[in-house]
């Protein structure tokens, strides 16, 4: 089972497997058809407060990761994460889609790390 990361603005690829958008907000300028999603787990995204605090600042990523992992332990975020784990378990490839410009410090990176058991 493979978990991939990809910006939603990149072209769809036949090797993407199950395509899951993990942003709370719909990405600007992307039509639902172009996105070619299998799932949109908007509930899995970081809370508005956490997202605004983090603001994709590299020096805050470690603290963001800890806070976000804590958020994923309860409520609708946990339910969405549990559904994502089921999708991963039942498919060869899952591609986590995100809209952030920062490809190394975002919630999809945290989710991939967690799905891979880290």
PDB file of N, CA and C in Angstrom:
ATOM      1  N   UNK A   1       0.827  -1.183   0.000  1.00  0.00           N
ATOM      2  CA  UNK A   1       0.000   0.000   0.000  1.00  0.00           C
ATOM      3  C   UNK A   1       0.870   1.244   0.000  1.00  0.00           C
ATOM      4  N   UNK A   2       0.575   2.100  -0.927  1.00  0.00           N
ATOM      5  CA  UNK A   2       1.387   3.291  -1.113  1.00  0.00           C
ATOM      6  C   UNK A   2       0.547   4.543  -0.840  1.00  0.00           C
ATOM      7  N   UNK A   3       1.146   5.501  -0.133  1.00  0.00           N
ATOM      8  CA  UNK A   3       0.506   6.791   0.098  1.00  0.00           C
ATOM      9  C   UNK A   3       1.361   7.843  -0.605  1.00  0.00           C
ATOM     10  N   UNK A   4       0.728   8.592  -1.494  1.00  0.00           N
ATOM     11  CA  UNK A   4       1.428   9.631  -2.240  1.00  0.00           C
ATOM     12  C   UNK A   4       0.870  10.995  -1.847  1.00  0.00           C
ATOM     13  N   UNK A   5       1.661  12.014  -2.086  1.00  0.00           N
ATOM     14  CA  UNK A   5       1.245  13.402  -1.873  1.00  0.00           C
ATOM     15  C   UNK A   5       1.292  14.126  -3.206  1.00  0.00           C
ATOM     16  N   UNK A   6       0.316  15.026  -3.405  1.00  0.00           N
ATOM     17  CA  UNK A   6       0.274  15.739  -4.672  1.00  0.00           C
ATOM     18  C   UNK A   6      -0.543  17.016  -4.510  1.00  0.00           C
ATOM     19  N   UNK A   7      -0.051  18.086  -5.099  1.00  0.00           N
ATOM     20  CA  UNK A   7      -0.852  19.318  -5.133  1.00  0.00           C
ATOM     21  C   UNK A   7      -2.029  19.093  -6.071  1.00  0.00           C
ATOM     22  N   UNK A   8      -3.168  19.592  -5.680  1.00  0.00           N
ATOM     23  CA  UNK A   8      -4.378  19.391  -6.483  1.00  0.00           C
ATOM     24  C   UNK A   8      -4.270  20.051  -7.848  1.00  0.00           C
ATOM     25  N   UNK A   9      -3.366  20.996  -7.996  1.00  0.00           N
ATOM     26  CA  UNK A   9      -3.196  21.717  -9.254  1.00  0.00           C
ATOM     27  C   UNK A   9      -2.408  20.902 -10.293  1.00  0.00           C
ATOM     28  N   UNK A  10      -1.803  19.798  -9.865  1.00  0.00           N
ATOM     29  CA  UNK A  10      -1.069  18.938 -10.792  1.00  0.00           C
ATOM     30  C   UNK A  10      -2.057  18.071 -11.575  1.00  0.00           C
ATOM     31  N   UNK A  11      -1.628  17.623 -12.752  1.00  0.00           N
ATOM     32  CA  UNK A  11      -2.490  16.789 -13.591  1.00  0.00           C
ATOM     33  C   UNK A  11      -2.796  15.446 -12.932  1.00  0.00           C
ATOM     34  N   UNK A  12      -3.975  14.943 -13.240  1.00  0.00           N
ATOM     35  CA  UNK A  12      -4.377  13.612 -12.793  1.00  0.00           C
ATOM     36  C   UNK A  12      -3.504  12.585 -13.507  1.00  0.00           C
ATOM     37  N   UNK A  13      -3.113  11.548 -12.771  1.00  0.00           N
ATOM     38  CA  UNK A  13      -2.271  10.501 -13.336  1.00  0.00           C
ATOM     39  C   UNK A  13      -2.934   9.159 -13.054  1.00  0.00           C
ATOM     40  N   UNK A  14      -2.815   8.236 -13.978  1.00  0.00           N
ATOM     41  CA  UNK A  14      -3.438   6.919 -13.781  1.00  0.00           C
ATOM     42  C   UNK A  14      -2.845   6.176 -12.582  1.00  0.00           C
ATOM     43  N   UNK A  15      -1.648   6.573 -12.145  1.00  0.00           N
ATOM     44  CA  UNK A  15      -1.008   5.931 -11.000  1.00  0.00           C
ATOM     45  C   UNK A  15      -1.415   6.547  -9.657  1.00  0.00           C
ATOM     46  N   UNK A  16      -2.325   7.531  -9.692  1.00  0.00           N
ATOM     47  CA  UNK A  16      -2.748   8.185  -8.453  1.00  0.00           C
ATOM     48  C   UNK A  16      -3.542   7.260  -7.525  1.00  0.00           C
ATOM     49  N   UNK A  17      -4.184   6.271  -8.070  1.00  0.00           N
ATOM     50  CA  UNK A  17      -5.027   5.411  -7.237  1.00  0.00           C
ATOM     51  C   UNK A  17      -6.239   6.199  -6.762  1.00  0.00           C
ATOM     52  N   UNK A  18      -6.597   6.035  -5.493  1.00  0.00           N
ATOM     53  CA  UNK A  18      -7.729   6.748  -4.914  1.00  0.00           C
ATOM     54  C   UNK A  18      -7.274   8.161  -4.572  1.00  0.00           C
ATOM     55  N   UNK A  19      -7.961   9.153  -5.114  1.00  0.00           N
ATOM     56  CA  UNK A  19      -7.593  10.559  -4.932  1.00  0.00           C
ATOM     57  C   UNK A  19      -8.463  11.167  -3.839  1.00  0.00           C
ATOM     58  N   UNK A  20      -7.793  11.651  -2.762  1.00  0.00           N
ATOM     59  CA  UNK A  20      -8.518  12.180  -1.601  1.00  0.00           C
ATOM     60  C   UNK A  20      -8.017  13.589  -1.300  1.00  0.00           C
ATOM     61  N   UNK A  21      -8.922  14.560  -1.380  1.00  0.00           N
ATOM     62  CA  UNK A  21      -8.594  15.933  -1.002  1.00  0.00           C
ATOM     63  C   UNK A  21      -8.680  16.046   0.510  1.00  0.00           C
ATOM     64  N   UNK A  22      -7.610  16.546   1.146  1.00  0.00           N
ATOM     65  CA  UNK A  22      -7.560  16.624   2.611  1.00  0.00           C
ATOM     66  C   UNK A  22      -7.513  18.075   3.101  1.00  0.00           C
ATOM     67  N   UNK A  23      -8.052  18.987   2.308  1.00  0.00           N
ATOM     68  CA  UNK A  23      -8.159  20.396   2.689  1.00  0.00           C
ATOM     69  C   UNK A  23      -9.569  20.683   3.198  1.00  0.00           C
ATOM     70  N   UNK A  24      -9.669  21.524   4.192  1.00  0.00           N
ATOM     71  CA  UNK A  24     -10.973  21.931   4.719  1.00  0.00           C
ATOM     72  C   UNK A  24     -11.693  22.861   3.740  1.00  0.00           C
ATOM     73  N   UNK A  25     -10.924  23.663   3.006  1.00  0.00           N
ATOM     74  CA  UNK A  25     -11.488  24.611   2.045  1.00  0.00           C
ATOM     75  C   UNK A  25     -11.244  24.122   0.618  1.00  0.00           C
ATOM     76  N   UNK A  26     -12.234  24.369  -0.255  1.00  0.00           N
ATOM     77  CA  UNK A  26     -12.053  23.976  -1.659  1.00  0.00           C
ATOM     78  C   UNK A  26     -10.967  24.845  -2.287  1.00  0.00           C
ATOM     79  N   UNK A  27     -10.048  24.237  -3.044  1.00  0.00           N
ATOM     80  CA  UNK A  27      -8.946  24.985  -3.659  1.00  0.00           C
ATOM     81  C   UNK A  27      -9.430  25.964  -4.730  1.00  0.00           C
ATOM     82  N   UNK A  28      -8.865  27.140  -4.717  1.00  0.00           N
ATOM     83  CA  UNK A  28      -9.231  28.178  -5.684  1.00  0.00           C
ATOM     84  C   UNK A  28      -8.888  27.754  -7.103  1.00  0.00           C
ATOM     85  N   UNK A  29      -9.803  28.053  -8.001  1.00  0.00           N
ATOM     86  CA  UNK A  29      -9.534  27.865  -9.423  1.00  0.00           C
ATOM     87  C   UNK A  29      -9.571  26.435  -9.917  1.00  0.00           C
ATOM     88  N   UNK A  30     -10.044  25.497  -9.104  1.00  0.00           N
ATOM     89  CA  UNK A  30     -10.097  24.095  -9.515  1.00  0.00           C
ATOM     90  C   UNK A  30     -11.559  23.672  -9.596  1.00  0.00           C
ATOM     91  N   UNK A  31     -11.970  23.211 -10.769  1.00  0.00           N
ATOM     92  CA  UNK A  31     -13.341  22.730 -10.902  1.00  0.00           C
ATOM     93  C   UNK A  31     -13.438  21.318 -10.322  1.00  0.00           C
ATOM     94  N   UNK A  32     -14.626  20.930  -9.962  1.00  0.00           N
ATOM     95  CA  UNK A  32     -14.823  19.578  -9.421  1.00  0.00           C
ATOM     96  C   UNK A  32     -14.453  18.525 -10.470  1.00  0.00           C
ATOM     97  N   UNK A  33     -14.711  18.824 -11.738  1.00  0.00           N
ATOM     98  CA  UNK A  33     -14.372  17.880 -12.809  1.00  0.00           C
ATOM     99  C   UNK A  33     -12.854  17.735 -12.943  1.00  0.00           C
ATOM    100  N   UNK A  34     -12.144  18.868 -12.939  1.00  0.00           N
ATOM    101  CA  UNK A  34     -10.688  18.831 -13.089  1.00  0.00           C
ATOM    102  C   UNK A  34     -10.029  18.146 -11.886  1.00  0.00           C
ATOM    103  N   UNK A  35     -10.621  18.302 -10.715  1.00  0.00           N
ATOM    104  CA  UNK A  35     -10.053  17.702  -9.507  1.00  0.00           C
ATOM    105  C   UNK A  35     -10.094  16.186  -9.573  1.00  0.00           C
ATOM    106  N   UNK A  36     -11.107  15.643 -10.225  1.00  0.00           N
ATOM    107  CA  UNK A  36     -11.241  14.192 -10.380  1.00  0.00           C
ATOM    108  C   UNK A  36     -11.030  13.455  -9.052  1.00  0.00           C
ATOM    109  N   UNK A  37     -11.816  13.859  -8.051  1.00  0.00           N
ATOM    110  CA  UNK A  37     -11.680  13.286  -6.708  1.00  0.00           C
ATOM    111  C   UNK A  37     -12.481  12.012  -6.541  1.00  0.00           C
ATOM    112  N   UNK A  38     -11.963  11.144  -5.696  1.00  0.00           N
ATOM    113  CA  UNK A  38     -12.758  10.016  -5.219  1.00  0.00           C
ATOM    114  C   UNK A  38     -13.416  10.387  -3.898  1.00  0.00           C
ATOM    115  N   UNK A  39     -12.725  11.201  -3.101  1.00  0.00           N
ATOM    116  CA  UNK A  39     -13.240  11.621  -1.794  1.00  0.00           C
ATOM    117  C   UNK A  39     -12.746  13.023  -1.484  1.00  0.00           C
ATOM    118  N   UNK A  40     -13.550  13.758  -0.727  1.00  0.00           N
ATOM    119  CA  UNK A  40     -13.122  15.038  -0.161  1.00  0.00           C
ATOM    120  C   UNK A  40     -13.424  14.978   1.325  1.00  0.00           C
ATOM    121  N   UNK A  41     -12.383  14.866   2.130  1.00  0.00           N
ATOM    122  CA  UNK A  41     -12.536  14.822   3.585  1.00  0.00           C
ATOM    123  C   UNK A  41     -12.228  16.193   4.153  1.00  0.00           C
ATOM    124  N   UNK A  42     -13.151  17.132   3.977  1.00  0.00           N
ATOM    125  CA  UNK A  42     -12.901  18.474   4.488  1.00  0.00           C
ATOM    126  C   UNK A  42     -12.811  18.480   6.007  1.00  0.00           C
ATOM    127  N   UNK A  43     -13.479  17.531   6.668  1.00  0.00           N
ATOM    128  CA  UNK A  43     -13.442  17.470   8.130  1.00  0.00           C
ATOM    129  C   UNK A  43     -12.060  17.101   8.669  1.00  0.00           C
ATOM    130  N   UNK A  44     -11.237  16.477   7.821  1.00  0.00           N
ATOM    131  CA  UNK A  44      -9.919  16.022   8.286  1.00  0.00           C
ATOM    132  C   UNK A  44      -8.899  17.153   8.339  1.00  0.00           C
ATOM    133  N   UNK A  45      -9.187  18.238   7.682  1.00  0.00           N
ATOM    134  CA  UNK A  45      -8.250  19.358   7.666  1.00  0.00           C
ATOM    135  C   UNK A  45      -8.100  19.978   9.045  1.00  0.00           C
ATOM    136  N   UNK A  46      -7.016  20.690   9.266  1.00  0.00           N
ATOM    137  CA  UNK A  46      -6.814  21.351  10.557  1.00  0.00           C
ATOM    138  C   UNK A  46      -7.943  22.359  10.822  1.00  0.00           C
ATOM    139  N   UNK A  47      -8.235  22.576  12.081  1.00  0.00           N
ATOM    140  CA  UNK A  47      -9.252  23.564  12.441  1.00  0.00           C
ATOM    141  C   UNK A  47      -8.864  24.920  11.872  1.00  0.00           C
ATOM    142  N   UNK A  48      -9.856  25.772  11.710  1.00  0.00           N
ATOM    143  CA  UNK A  48      -9.595  27.121  11.183  1.00  0.00           C
ATOM    144  C   UNK A  48      -8.576  27.845  12.052  1.00  0.00           C
ATOM    145  N   UNK A  49      -8.719  27.715  13.370  1.00  0.00           N
ATOM    146  CA  UNK A  49      -7.801  28.385  14.291  1.00  0.00           C
ATOM    147  C   UNK A  49      -6.363  27.899  14.099  1.00  0.00           C
ATOM    148  N   UNK A  50      -6.192  26.573  14.004  1.00  0.00           N
ATOM    149  CA  UNK A  50      -4.851  26.017  13.838  1.00  0.00           C
ATOM    150  C   UNK A  50      -4.275  26.395  12.478  1.00  0.00           C
ATOM    151  N   UNK A  51      -5.090  26.318  11.449  1.00  0.00           N
ATOM    152  CA  UNK A  51      -4.627  26.656  10.103  1.00  0.00           C
ATOM    153  C   UNK A  51      -4.174  28.113  10.030  1.00  0.00           C
ATOM    154  N   UNK A  52      -4.945  29.014  10.614  1.00  0.00           N
ATOM    155  CA  UNK A  52      -4.578  30.428  10.583  1.00  0.00           C
ATOM    156  C   UNK A  52      -3.341  30.700  11.431  1.00  0.00           C
ATOM    157  N   UNK A  53      -3.218  30.030  12.572  1.00  0.00           N
ATOM    158  CA  UNK A  53      -2.032  30.205  13.418  1.00  0.00           C
ATOM    159  C   UNK A  53      -0.774  29.729  12.685  1.00  0.00           C
ATOM    160  N   UNK A  54      -0.853  28.553  12.063  1.00  0.00           N
ATOM    161  CA  UNK A  54       0.300  27.970  11.381  1.00  0.00           C
ATOM    162  C   UNK A  54       0.723  28.830  10.182  1.00  0.00           C
ATOM    163  N   UNK A  55      -0.225  29.187   9.336  1.00  0.00           N
ATOM    164  CA  UNK A  55       0.034  30.058   8.197  1.00  0.00           C
ATOM    165  C   UNK A  55       1.183  29.558   7.314  1.00  0.00           C
ATOM    166  N   UNK A  56       1.416  28.260   7.308  1.00  0.00           N
ATOM    167  CA  UNK A  56       2.467  27.612   6.512  1.00  0.00           C
ATOM    168  C   UNK A  56       3.854  28.208   6.748  1.00  0.00           C
ATOM    169  N   UNK A  57       4.105  28.581   7.994  1.00  0.00           N
ATOM    170  CA  UNK A  57       5.420  29.095   8.369  1.00  0.00           C
ATOM    171  C   UNK A  57       6.299  27.919   8.786  1.00  0.00           C
ATOM    172  N   UNK A  58       7.399  27.736   8.075  1.00  0.00           N
ATOM    173  CA  UNK A  58       8.261  26.580   8.289  1.00  0.00           C
ATOM    174  C   UNK A  58       8.672  26.389   9.748  1.00  0.00           C
ATOM    175  N   UNK A  59       8.990  27.485  10.439  1.00  0.00           N
ATOM    176  CA  UNK A  59       9.482  27.361  11.805  1.00  0.00           C
ATOM    177  C   UNK A  59       8.393  26.910  12.789  1.00  0.00           C
ATOM    178  N   UNK A  60       7.147  26.941  12.380  1.00  0.00           N
ATOM    179  CA  UNK A  60       6.041  26.494  13.237  1.00  0.00           C
ATOM    180  C   UNK A  60       5.609  25.053  12.939  1.00  0.00           C
ATOM    181  N   UNK A  61       6.239  24.404  11.954  1.00  0.00           N
ATOM    182  CA  UNK A  61       5.748  23.101  11.502  1.00  0.00           C
ATOM    183  C   UNK A  61       5.790  22.034  12.589  1.00  0.00           C
ATOM    184  N   UNK A  62       6.833  22.000  13.384  1.00  0.00           N
ATOM    185  CA  UNK A  62       6.924  20.995  14.445  1.00  0.00           C
ATOM    186  C   UNK A  62       5.775  21.150  15.444  1.00  0.00           C
ATOM    187  N   UNK A  63       5.517  22.373  15.872  1.00  0.00           N
ATOM    188  CA  UNK A  63       4.409  22.630  16.796  1.00  0.00           C
ATOM    189  C   UNK A  63       3.072  22.358  16.120  1.00  0.00           C
ATOM    190  N   UNK A  64       2.951  22.744  14.844  1.00  0.00           N
ATOM    191  CA  UNK A  64       1.727  22.470  14.089  1.00  0.00           C
ATOM    192  C   UNK A  64       1.454  20.972  14.049  1.00  0.00           C
ATOM    193  N   UNK A  65       2.486  20.190  13.766  1.00  0.00           N
ATOM    194  CA  UNK A  65       2.335  18.740  13.679  1.00  0.00           C
ATOM    195  C   UNK A  65       1.778  18.167  14.982  1.00  0.00           C
ATOM    196  N   UNK A  66       2.335  18.582  16.115  1.00  0.00           N
ATOM    197  CA  UNK A  66       1.860  18.090  17.417  1.00  0.00           C
ATOM    198  C   UNK A  66       0.409  18.491  17.660  1.00  0.00           C
ATOM    199  N   UNK A  67       0.072  19.731  17.371  1.00  0.00           N
ATOM    200  CA  UNK A  67      -1.292  20.228  17.600  1.00  0.00           C
ATOM    201  C   UNK A  67      -2.282  19.546  16.654  1.00  0.00           C
ATOM    202  N   UNK A  68      -1.881  19.347  15.419  1.00  0.00           N
ATOM    203  CA  UNK A  68      -2.761  18.730  14.435  1.00  0.00           C
ATOM    204  C   UNK A  68      -2.995  17.259  14.768  1.00  0.00           C
ATOM    205  N   UNK A  69      -1.938  16.550  15.150  1.00  0.00           N
ATOM    206  CA  UNK A  69      -2.108  15.151  15.558  1.00  0.00           C
ATOM    207  C   UNK A  69      -3.076  15.049  16.739  1.00  0.00           C
ATOM    208  N   UNK A  70      -3.017  16.006  17.656  1.00  0.00           N
ATOM    209  CA  UNK A  70      -3.941  16.008  18.794  1.00  0.00           C
ATOM    210  C   UNK A  70      -5.376  16.233  18.314  1.00  0.00           C
ATOM    211  N   UNK A  71      -5.561  17.155  17.364  1.00  0.00           N
ATOM    212  CA  UNK A  71      -6.903  17.398  16.820  1.00  0.00           C
ATOM    213  C   UNK A  71      -7.484  16.133  16.184  1.00  0.00           C
ATOM    214  N   UNK A  72      -6.632  15.338  15.550  1.00  0.00           N
ATOM    215  CA  UNK A  72      -7.092  14.136  14.852  1.00  0.00           C
ATOM    216  C   UNK A  72      -7.502  13.003  15.798  1.00  0.00           C
ATOM    217  N   UNK A  73      -7.381  13.227  17.088  1.00  0.00           N
ATOM    218  CA  UNK A  73      -7.717  12.188  18.061  1.00  0.00           C
ATOM    219  C   UNK A  73      -9.158  12.241  18.546  1.00  0.00           C
ATOM    220  N   UNK A  74      -9.957  13.216  18.058  1.00  0.00           N
ATOM    221  CA  UNK A  74     -11.332  13.294  18.533  1.00  0.00           C
ATOM    222  C   UNK A  74     -12.258  13.922  17.498  1.00  0.00           C
ATOM    223  N   UNK A  75     -13.540  13.735  17.720  1.00  0.00           N
ATOM    224  CA  UNK A  75     -14.577  14.378  16.933  1.00  0.00           C
ATOM    225  C   UNK A  75     -14.611  13.978  15.473  1.00  0.00           C
ATOM    226  N   UNK A  76     -15.096  14.908  14.654  1.00  0.00           N
ATOM    227  CA  UNK A  76     -15.255  14.620  13.233  1.00  0.00           C
ATOM    228  C   UNK A  76     -13.916  14.452  12.531  1.00  0.00           C
ATOM    229  N   UNK A  77     -12.856  15.070  13.060  1.00  0.00           N
ATOM    230  CA  UNK A  77     -11.534  14.873  12.454  1.00  0.00           C
ATOM    231  C   UNK A  77     -11.079  13.429  12.637  1.00  0.00           C
ATOM    232  N   UNK A  78     -11.311  12.856  13.806  1.00  0.00           N
ATOM    233  CA  UNK A  78     -10.944  11.458  14.044  1.00  0.00           C
ATOM    234  C   UNK A  78     -11.769  10.536  13.151  1.00  0.00           C
ATOM    235  N   UNK A  79     -13.068  10.803  13.035  1.00  0.00           N
ATOM    236  CA  UNK A  79     -13.934   9.981  12.180  1.00  0.00           C
ATOM    237  C   UNK A  79     -13.445  10.012  10.728  1.00  0.00           C
ATOM    238  N   UNK A  80     -13.066  11.184  10.247  1.00  0.00           N
ATOM    239  CA  UNK A  80     -12.561  11.306   8.877  1.00  0.00           C
ATOM    240  C   UNK A  80     -11.225  10.577   8.728  1.00  0.00           C
ATOM    241  N   UNK A  81     -10.351  10.704   9.732  1.00  0.00           N
ATOM    242  CA  UNK A  81      -9.061  10.005   9.675  1.00  0.00           C
ATOM    243  C   UNK A  81      -9.270   8.492   9.680  1.00  0.00           C
ATOM    244  N   UNK A  82     -10.205   8.018  10.489  1.00  0.00           N
ATOM    245  CA  UNK A  82     -10.506   6.574  10.518  1.00  0.00           C
ATOM    246  C   UNK A  82     -11.005   6.092   9.160  1.00  0.00           C
ATOM    247  N   UNK A  83     -11.824   6.897   8.487  1.00  0.00           N
ATOM    248  CA  UNK A  83     -12.293   6.540   7.140  1.00  0.00           C
ATOM    249  C   UNK A  83     -11.124   6.523   6.159  1.00  0.00           C
ATOM    250  N   UNK A  84     -10.205   7.471   6.306  1.00  0.00           N
ATOM    251  CA  UNK A  84      -9.030   7.507   5.438  1.00  0.00           C
ATOM    252  C   UNK A  84      -8.169   6.257   5.635  1.00  0.00           C
ATOM    253  N   UNK A  85      -8.020   5.822   6.879  1.00  0.00           N
ATOM    254  CA  UNK A  85      -7.250   4.590   7.152  1.00  0.00           C
ATOM    255  C   UNK A  85      -7.904   3.383   6.485  1.00  0.00           C
ATOM    256  N   UNK A  86      -9.236   3.331   6.470  1.00  0.00           N
ATOM    257  CA  UNK A  86      -9.956   2.239   5.810  1.00  0.00           C
ATOM    258  C   UNK A  86      -9.696   2.251   4.307  1.00  0.00           C
ATOM    259  N   UNK A  87      -9.731   3.438   3.723  1.00  0.00           N
ATOM    260  CA  UNK A  87      -9.454   3.559   2.287  1.00  0.00           C
ATOM    261  C   UNK A  87      -8.043   3.075   1.993  1.00  0.00           C
ATOM    262  N   UNK A  88      -7.091   3.477   2.830  1.00  0.00           N
ATOM    263  CA  UNK A  88      -5.700   3.051   2.637  1.00  0.00           C
ATOM    264  C   UNK A  88      -5.592   1.533   2.725  1.00  0.00           C
ATOM    265  N   UNK A  89      -6.275   0.955   3.692  1.00  0.00           N
ATOM    266  CA  UNK A  89      -6.202  -0.492   3.911  1.00  0.00           C
ATOM    267  C   UNK A  89      -6.778  -1.277   2.728  1.00  0.00           C
ATOM    268  N   UNK A  90      -7.763  -0.704   2.057  1.00  0.00           N
ATOM    269  CA  UNK A  90      -8.478  -1.421   1.005  1.00  0.00           C
ATOM    270  C   UNK A  90      -8.035  -1.074  -0.416  1.00  0.00           C
ATOM    271  N   UNK A  91      -6.976  -0.284  -0.562  1.00  0.00           N
ATOM    272  CA  UNK A  91      -6.513   0.123  -1.891  1.00  0.00           C
ATOM    273  C   UNK A  91      -4.996   0.082  -1.962  1.00  0.00           C
ATOM    274  N   UNK A  92      -4.476  -0.201  -3.156  1.00  0.00           N
ATOM    275  CA  UNK A  92      -3.027  -0.268  -3.344  1.00  0.00           C
ATOM    276  C   UNK A  92      -2.370   1.101  -3.228  1.00  0.00           C
ATOM    277  N   UNK A  93      -3.027   2.126  -3.774  1.00  0.00           N
ATOM    278  CA  UNK A  93      -2.450   3.463  -3.782  1.00  0.00           C
ATOM    279  C   UNK A  93      -3.499   4.496  -3.402  1.00  0.00           C
ATOM    280  N   UNK A  94      -3.107   5.379  -2.513  1.00  0.00           N
ATOM    281  CA  UNK A  94      -3.939   6.517  -2.134  1.00  0.00           C
ATOM    282  C   UNK A  94      -3.092   7.765  -2.324  1.00  0.00           C
ATOM    283  N   UNK A  95      -3.654   8.752  -3.008  1.00  0.00           N
ATOM    284  CA  UNK A  95      -2.964  10.026  -3.191  1.00  0.00           C
ATOM    285  C   UNK A  95      -3.694  11.090  -2.394  1.00  0.00           C
ATOM    286  N   UNK A  96      -2.975  11.685  -1.441  1.00  0.00           N
ATOM    287  CA  UNK A  96      -3.521  12.767  -0.632  1.00  0.00           C
ATOM    288  C   UNK A  96      -3.286  14.074  -1.375  1.00  0.00           C
ATOM    289  N   UNK A  97      -4.358  14.760  -1.676  1.00  0.00           N
ATOM    290  CA  UNK A  97      -4.291  16.002  -2.432  1.00  0.00           C
ATOM    291  C   UNK A  97      -4.432  17.195  -1.503  1.00  0.00           C
ATOM    292  N   UNK A  98      -3.652  18.230  -1.777  1.00  0.00           N
ATOM    293  CA  UNK A  98      -3.667  19.443  -0.964  1.00  0.00           C
ATOM    294  C   UNK A  98      -3.431  20.636  -1.881  1.00  0.00           C
ATOM    295  N   UNK A  99      -3.765  21.832  -1.400  1.00  0.00           N
ATOM    296  CA  UNK A  99      -3.584  23.013  -2.245  1.00  0.00           C
ATOM    297  C   UNK A  99      -2.425  23.898  -1.802  1.00  0.00           C
ATOM    298  N   UNK A 100      -1.848  23.645  -0.666  1.00  0.00           N
ATOM    299  CA  UNK A 100      -0.773  24.493  -0.137  1.00  0.00           C
ATOM    300  C   UNK A 100       0.394  24.595  -1.111  1.00  0.00           C
ATOM    301  N   UNK A 101       0.961  25.793  -1.202  1.00  0.00           N
ATOM    302  CA  UNK A 101       2.152  25.989  -2.032  1.00  0.00           C
ATOM    303  C   UNK A 101       3.364  25.301  -1.419  1.00  0.00           C
ATOM    304  N   UNK A 102       3.406  25.278  -0.087  1.00  0.00           N
ATOM    305  CA  UNK A 102       4.515  24.635   0.618  1.00  0.00           C
ATOM    306  C   UNK A 102       4.283  23.123   0.601  1.00  0.00           C
ATOM    307  N   UNK A 103       5.054  22.424  -0.191  1.00  0.00           N
ATOM    308  CA  UNK A 103       4.839  20.992  -0.382  1.00  0.00           C
ATOM    309  C   UNK A 103       5.465  20.128   0.704  1.00  0.00           C
ATOM    310  N   UNK A 104       6.277  20.709   1.579  1.00  0.00           N
ATOM    311  CA  UNK A 104       6.936  19.914   2.615  1.00  0.00           C
ATOM    312  C   UNK A 104       6.389  20.169   4.013  1.00  0.00           C
ATOM    313  N   UNK A 105       5.665  21.257   4.189  1.00  0.00           N
ATOM    314  CA  UNK A 105       5.119  21.602   5.504  1.00  0.00           C
ATOM    315  C   UNK A 105       3.631  21.896   5.383  1.00  0.00           C
ATOM    316  N   UNK A 106       2.817  20.846   5.421  1.00  0.00           N
ATOM    317  CA  UNK A 106       1.360  20.992   5.352  1.00  0.00           C
ATOM    318  C   UNK A 106       0.694  19.783   5.995  1.00  0.00           C
ATOM    319  N   UNK A 107      -0.626  19.834   6.118  1.00  0.00           N
ATOM    320  CA  UNK A 107      -1.342  18.774   6.808  1.00  0.00           C
ATOM    321  C   UNK A 107      -1.264  17.435   6.078  1.00  0.00           C
ATOM    322  N   UNK A 108      -1.162  17.427   4.756  1.00  0.00           N
ATOM    323  CA  UNK A 108      -1.067  16.177   4.014  1.00  0.00           C
ATOM    324  C   UNK A 108       0.212  15.423   4.376  1.00  0.00           C
ATOM    325  N   UNK A 109       1.288  16.151   4.607  1.00  0.00           N
ATOM    326  CA  UNK A 109       2.553  15.533   5.021  1.00  0.00           C
ATOM    327  C   UNK A 109       2.368  14.831   6.371  1.00  0.00           C
ATOM    328  N   UNK A 110       1.676  15.486   7.288  1.00  0.00           N
ATOM    329  CA  UNK A 110       1.409  14.905   8.617  1.00  0.00           C
ATOM    330  C   UNK A 110       0.550  13.646   8.467  1.00  0.00           C
ATOM    331  N   UNK A 111      -0.498  13.734   7.654  1.00  0.00           N
ATOM    332  CA  UNK A 111      -1.387  12.583   7.454  1.00  0.00           C
ATOM    333  C   UNK A 111      -0.645  11.400   6.838  1.00  0.00           C
ATOM    334  N   UNK A 112       0.181  11.662   5.835  1.00  0.00           N
ATOM    335  CA  UNK A 112       0.964  10.588   5.197  1.00  0.00           C
ATOM    336  C   UNK A 112       1.865   9.921   6.229  1.00  0.00           C
ATOM    337  N   UNK A 113       2.521  10.722   7.028  1.00  0.00           N
ATOM    338  CA  UNK A 113       3.408  10.205   8.068  1.00  0.00           C
ATOM    339  C   UNK A 113       2.622   9.297   9.030  1.00  0.00           C
ATOM    340  N   UNK A 114       1.454   9.731   9.427  1.00  0.00           N
ATOM    341  CA  UNK A 114       0.635   8.941  10.339  1.00  0.00           C
ATOM    342  C   UNK A 114       0.157   7.647   9.684  1.00  0.00           C
ATOM    343  N   UNK A 115      -0.276   7.723   8.448  1.00  0.00           N
ATOM    344  CA  UNK A 115      -0.753   6.524   7.733  1.00  0.00           C
ATOM    345  C   UNK A 115       0.361   5.499   7.566  1.00  0.00           C
ATOM    346  N   UNK A 116       1.588   5.984   7.470  1.00  0.00           N
ATOM    347  CA  UNK A 116       2.726   5.087   7.315  1.00  0.00           C
ATOM    348  C   UNK A 116       3.259   4.606   8.668  1.00  0.00           C
ATOM    349  N   UNK A 117       2.543   4.948   9.738  1.00  0.00           N
ATOM    350  CA  UNK A 117       2.890   4.428  11.066  1.00  0.00           C
ATOM    351  C   UNK A 117       3.960   5.198  11.784  1.00  0.00           C
ATOM    352  N   UNK A 118       4.218   6.419  11.405  1.00  0.00           N
ATOM    353  CA  UNK A 118       5.246   7.233  12.071  1.00  0.00           C
ATOM    354  C   UNK A 118       4.624   8.237  13.008  1.00  0.00           C
TER     355      UNK A 118
END
